[in-house]
Amino acid sequence: MRNFLKQMMKSLLVPTIPGGIMIILIFSLDYFQFELVEKFLLFAAFVIVPLVILLLKHDEKNNHQRMIYAAMKLFQFPAALLTQASVMSSKAWGLEGTAIPGTLSLGWLLFTLLLCIYGIATIGIHKRKIAEIAIGAGLVYFFIGGIWFTLYQYQFNLFQANPATHALSSVHFHFSSAIVPIFIGMLGRIMTKKSWYPWVVAIDIIGPILIAIGMIFSKPMEYIGVTLFACNIVIYTTYLLTYLKRNSLYKKATFFLVLSCLAFYTVVVLSIFYPLLKNMFSLTILDFIPVYGSLHAFGFVLCGLIGWVYMVDSLKEKKLYNYQ
């Protein structure tokens, strides 16, 4: 037991342990009577964002960037606790309909603003590095997700969207919109540069905006955005699997990154066979949403982030990883 604890404390994933424990409790205890979309938002706050921070490195010579990075590490867990308090105030504490859930959500909004500022700083410092622009854009999208979460907690009706749409938009920006550009950027840091890579990054930046606008105003625009985004993920996973096959030394990273890719392809297969499965087993889209959500959040996103954390660590040990 003692050796296990020592090994855990040496793990690269130590910053995510408190949040991971909290998420296990939220998903397993009946006390937390949250909507599934709220559980996924808390999962992002407690686990996904800390893993993203582990992938970020600051320029020691840039005092502004170094201070923001230190602030993100310091305030992430308190901001996540405020996010949980915001949700609990409207679900468990009987404060729904008051301004308190919205007010508490401002803690997460301010934290995602820090991520956004860091992302903009990253883009400014690395103007000619497409991979860093992709990562910076992903961090900016976290802030947009924070805005949608606050709108949801204040129960505002914005444009033609109701609070339920705000919640879905927040999940969209915390997972797909923010994470996919970061994954593409991480791939860009290690891959042999290809002529098509800037186009993939450009679509990754534009796609989430099309999806978000489409969710509120135009279904055809949403379908176009989703199609472009999905094609980009296919390119990312295909190239990544090829890279991992050629470089078999990164065992931990390979394990999690392959799981991430397989989770994405499982979602694709389920989507293709959805009409058949629906008719065979009398299922509805509501039955598939938890499956899709879990595969995407716990499979594609979580395993992908863990894999990239281990990949960066392995490349640093071999002195093959050049952030600058």
Foldseek 3Di string as FASTA:
>chain_A
DVVVVVVQVPDLQVQLVVLVVVLVCCVPDPLNPADPLLSLLLCLLRHQVVLLLLLDDDDPVDPVLVVLSVVLSVLSVVLSVLSVVLRCCCPPVVNNPHCSSLVSLVSQLVSLVSLLVSLVVQCVVCVPQLLSVLLSLLSNLLNVLSVLSSCLSNQDCDQPDGSVLSSVLSSCSSALLNQLSNLLSLCSQQDDDDPCSSVLSVLSNVLSVQLSCCSRPNVVSNVVSVVSSLVSVVVSLVVVVVVCVVPVPLPLLNVLSVQLSVLSVVLVVCVVCVVVCCVVVVDDVVVCVVVNVCSRSVGNSVSNSSSSSSVQVVCVVVVNGDPD
